[in-house]
């Protein structure tokens, strides 16, 4: 898109135009208006074309955004199909194949910036990254992770799936009334 600056007529031009007949001044003004209108229409058309190009690019990006991830999963699919096609494979060979396939899948996820949330025992419970499925009495500090039932995953800063964990809670004193507040420490 070309930018042109419109400058007001100089005082010399006004003086020159004031000597011209009124019909000539009117014709010059109409020609200038027509030229400016044409420039405006061209600018509007350029803006509309840029908008359409942007929309087409955005639609294409959305349509093919997962392409790279899908390409990285194809070797995993090939490995699984090869394992199922080999009917005479020994259990050890199947296990080795599954381990190889798991490594391929882990690499594909890593390339796509999908990382595991794998908390350790004793780590503080984080409700943004973990989902407590059970609370058990433990001698550890309350709200710490006792065990991990399933790893979670996140993509950049977004949680795809929280880790499923069991958390600790304070040990209740035996022989006390849990409703009464007389046995509080």
Protein backbone atom coordinates (compact mmCIF):
# COMPACT_ATOMS: atom_id res chain seq x y z
CA UNK A 1 0.00 0.00 0.00
CA UNK A 2 1.44 3.34 -0.97
CA UNK A 3 1.12 6.28 1.30
CA UNK A 4 0.66 9.69 -0.13
CA UNK A 5 0.48 12.81 1.89
CA UNK A 6 -2.09 15.41 1.10
CA UNK A 7 -0.81 18.90 1.67
CA UNK A 8 -2.96 21.99 1.70
CA UNK A 9 -2.50 24.18 -1.35
CA UNK A 10 0.27 26.69 -0.95
CA UNK A 11 -0.53 30.37 -0.84
CA UNK A 12 1.17 30.71 -4.25
CA UNK A 13 -1.25 28.18 -5.71
CA UNK A 14 -4.17 30.08 -4.22
CA UNK A 15 -2.93 33.25 -5.77
CA UNK A 16 -2.47 31.51 -9.13
CA UNK A 17 -5.92 29.88 -8.82
CA UNK A 18 -7.57 33.14 -7.89
CA UNK A 19 -6.60 34.48 -11.30
CA UNK A 20 -8.13 31.42 -13.05
CA UNK A 21 -11.79 31.49 -13.95
CA UNK A 22 -14.20 29.99 -11.42
CA UNK A 23 -15.09 27.13 -13.80
CA UNK A 24 -11.41 26.16 -13.98
CA UNK A 25 -11.05 26.30 -10.18
CA UNK A 26 -14.18 24.14 -9.84
CA UNK A 27 -12.83 21.62 -12.36
CA UNK A 28 -9.46 21.49 -10.54
CA UNK A 29 -11.18 21.00 -7.18
CA UNK A 30 -13.42 18.24 -8.60
CA UNK A 31 -10.38 16.51 -10.13
CA UNK A 32 -8.58 16.70 -6.79
CA UNK A 33 -11.66 15.28 -4.98
CA UNK A 34 -11.89 12.47 -7.55
CA UNK A 35 -8.18 11.64 -7.09
CA UNK A 36 -8.53 11.62 -3.29
CA UNK A 37 -11.67 9.46 -3.55
CA UNK A 38 -9.75 7.00 -5.73
CA UNK A 39 -6.91 6.92 -3.20
CA UNK A 40 -9.40 6.28 -0.39
CA UNK A 41 -11.08 3.45 -2.32
CA UNK A 42 -7.69 1.87 -3.04
CA UNK A 43 -6.75 2.10 0.64
CA UNK A 44 -10.06 0.49 1.63
CA UNK A 45 -9.54 -2.29 -0.92
CA UNK A 46 -6.00 -2.88 0.36
CA UNK A 47 -7.29 -3.07 3.93
CA UNK A 48 -10.04 -5.50 2.91
CA UNK A 49 -7.54 -7.70 1.03
CA UNK A 50 -5.22 -7.72 4.05
CA UNK A 51 -8.14 -8.68 6.31
CA UNK A 52 -9.13 -11.56 3.99
CA UNK A 53 -5.48 -12.72 3.79
CA UNK A 54 -5.23 -12.68 7.58
CA UNK A 55 -8.47 -14.66 7.94
CA UNK A 56 -7.26 -17.26 5.42
CA UNK A 57 -3.91 -17.56 7.23
CA UNK A 58 -5.64 -17.91 10.60
CA UNK A 59 -7.99 -20.59 9.26
CA UNK A 60 -5.06 -22.46 7.74
CA UNK A 61 -3.10 -22.22 10.99
CA UNK A 62 -6.01 -23.62 12.98
CA UNK A 63 -6.61 -26.37 10.47
CA UNK A 64 -2.99 -27.55 10.37
CA UNK A 65 -1.81 -26.62 13.87
CA UNK A 66 -1.68 -30.23 14.98
CA UNK A 67 0.14 -31.41 11.84
CA UNK A 68 3.62 -31.49 13.40
CA UNK A 69 2.35 -33.35 16.46
CA UNK A 70 0.50 -35.87 14.31
CA UNK A 71 3.65 -36.45 12.24
CA UNK A 72 5.62 -37.22 15.41
CA UNK A 73 2.97 -39.79 16.44
CA UNK A 74 3.14 -41.74 13.19
CA UNK A 75 6.25 -43.77 14.21
CA UNK A 76 4.46 -44.72 17.42
CA UNK A 77 1.50 -45.95 15.37
CA UNK A 78 3.85 -47.90 13.08
CA UNK A 79 5.52 -49.56 16.06
CA UNK A 80 2.21 -50.60 17.60
CA UNK A 81 0.98 -52.02 14.29
CA UNK A 82 4.24 -53.94 13.83
CA UNK A 83 3.91 -55.41 17.33
CA UNK A 84 0.36 -56.56 16.65
CA UNK A 85 1.31 -58.01 13.26
CA UNK A 86 4.01 -60.26 14.80
CA UNK A 87 1.92 -63.08 16.26
CA UNK A 88 4.89 -65.32 17.15
CA UNK A 89 6.72 -62.74 19.27
CA UNK A 90 7.89 -63.82 22.69
CA UNK A 91 6.73 -61.95 25.80
CA UNK A 92 10.23 -60.48 26.19
CA UNK A 93 10.24 -59.21 22.60
CA UNK A 94 6.78 -57.69 23.10
CA UNK A 95 7.95 -55.99 26.29
CA UNK A 96 11.02 -54.59 24.53
CA UNK A 97 8.79 -53.36 21.69
CA UNK A 98 6.39 -51.71 24.11
CA UNK A 99 9.30 -49.99 25.90
CA UNK A 100 10.61 -48.72 22.55
CA UNK A 101 7.15 -47.49 21.61
CA UNK A 102 6.82 -45.75 24.97
CA UNK A 103 10.15 -43.97 24.36
CA UNK A 104 8.94 -42.90 20.91
CA UNK A 105 5.72 -41.55 22.41
CA UNK A 106 7.62 -39.74 25.17
CA UNK A 107 9.88 -38.11 22.57
CA UNK A 108 6.87 -37.05 20.49
CA UNK A 109 5.24 -35.47 23.54
CA UNK A 110 8.50 -33.79 24.53
CA UNK A 111 8.91 -32.28 21.07
CA UNK A 112 5.41 -30.86 21.37
CA UNK A 113 6.23 -29.37 24.81
CA UNK A 114 3.89 -31.74 26.66
CA UNK A 115 5.59 -32.51 29.96
CA UNK A 116 4.65 -34.86 32.77
CA UNK A 117 3.51 -33.78 36.21
CA UNK A 118 4.99 -36.50 38.38
CA UNK A 119 4.99 -35.39 42.03
CA UNK A 120 7.15 -37.15 44.57
CA UNK A 121 6.14 -38.52 47.94
CA UNK A 122 6.24 -35.78 50.56
CA UNK A 123 5.77 -32.97 48.03
CA UNK A 124 3.24 -30.29 49.01
CA UNK A 125 -0.21 -30.73 47.42
CA UNK A 126 -0.88 -28.11 44.71
CA UNK A 127 -4.55 -27.99 43.67
CA UNK A 128 -3.58 -26.38 40.36
CA UNK A 129 -1.38 -29.33 39.35
CA UNK A 130 -2.74 -32.22 41.43
CA UNK A 131 -6.13 -33.78 42.06
CA UNK A 132 -6.57 -35.48 45.41
CA UNK A 133 -8.58 -38.68 45.06
CA UNK A 134 -8.11 -39.81 48.64
CA UNK A 135 -6.88 -38.50 51.98
CA UNK A 136 -5.26 -40.91 54.42
CA UNK A 137 -4.00 -40.49 57.93
CA UNK A 138 -0.23 -40.28 57.94
CA UNK A 139 2.49 -39.15 60.27
CA UNK A 140 3.70 -36.68 57.65
CA UNK A 141 2.63 -33.05 57.45
CA UNK A 142 -1.02 -32.62 56.36
CA UNK A 143 -1.67 -31.89 52.67
CA UNK A 144 1.46 -33.59 51.43
CA UNK A 145 1.44 -36.25 48.75
CA UNK A 146 1.54 -39.82 50.02
CA UNK A 147 1.30 -41.63 46.66
CA UNK A 148 0.75 -40.94 42.97
CA UNK A 149 -1.95 -42.94 41.21
CA UNK A 150 -1.57 -41.37 37.78
CA UNK A 151 0.82 -38.81 36.30
CA UNK A 152 -0.57 -35.57 34.99
CA UNK A 153 0.50 -33.57 31.96
CA UNK A 154 0.74 -29.93 31.01
CA UNK A 155 1.33 -28.08 27.76
CA UNK A 156 3.34 -24.91 28.40
CA UNK A 157 1.35 -23.30 31.25
CA UNK A 158 -1.93 -25.13 30.65
CA UNK A 159 -2.79 -28.28 32.61
CA UNK A 160 -3.99 -31.02 30.26
CA UNK A 161 -4.61 -33.45 33.10
CA UNK A 162 -3.76 -33.05 36.80
CA UNK A 163 -1.81 -35.76 38.57
CA UNK A 164 -4.08 -38.05 40.61
CA UNK A 165 -2.65 -38.29 44.12
CA UNK A 166 -3.38 -39.46 47.63
CA UNK A 167 -2.72 -36.80 50.27
CA UNK A 168 -2.06 -37.01 53.98
CA UNK A 169 -4.27 -35.64 56.68
CA UNK A 170 -3.61 -35.19 60.38
CA UNK A 171 -3.93 -38.26 62.59
CA UNK A 172 -7.00 -38.05 64.78
CA UNK A 173 -6.61 -38.92 68.45
CA UNK A 174 -8.35 -42.17 69.33
CA UNK A 175 -10.95 -42.14 72.05
CA UNK A 176 -11.89 -38.49 71.61
CA UNK A 177 -15.12 -37.03 70.40
CA UNK A 178 -14.51 -35.55 66.93
CA UNK A 179 -17.49 -33.21 67.36
CA UNK A 180 -16.45 -31.82 70.73
CA UNK A 181 -13.95 -29.00 71.05
CA UNK A 182 -12.86 -29.91 74.57
CA UNK A 183 -9.97 -32.10 73.37
CA UNK A 184 -8.34 -29.50 71.19
CA UNK A 185 -4.62 -28.97 71.66
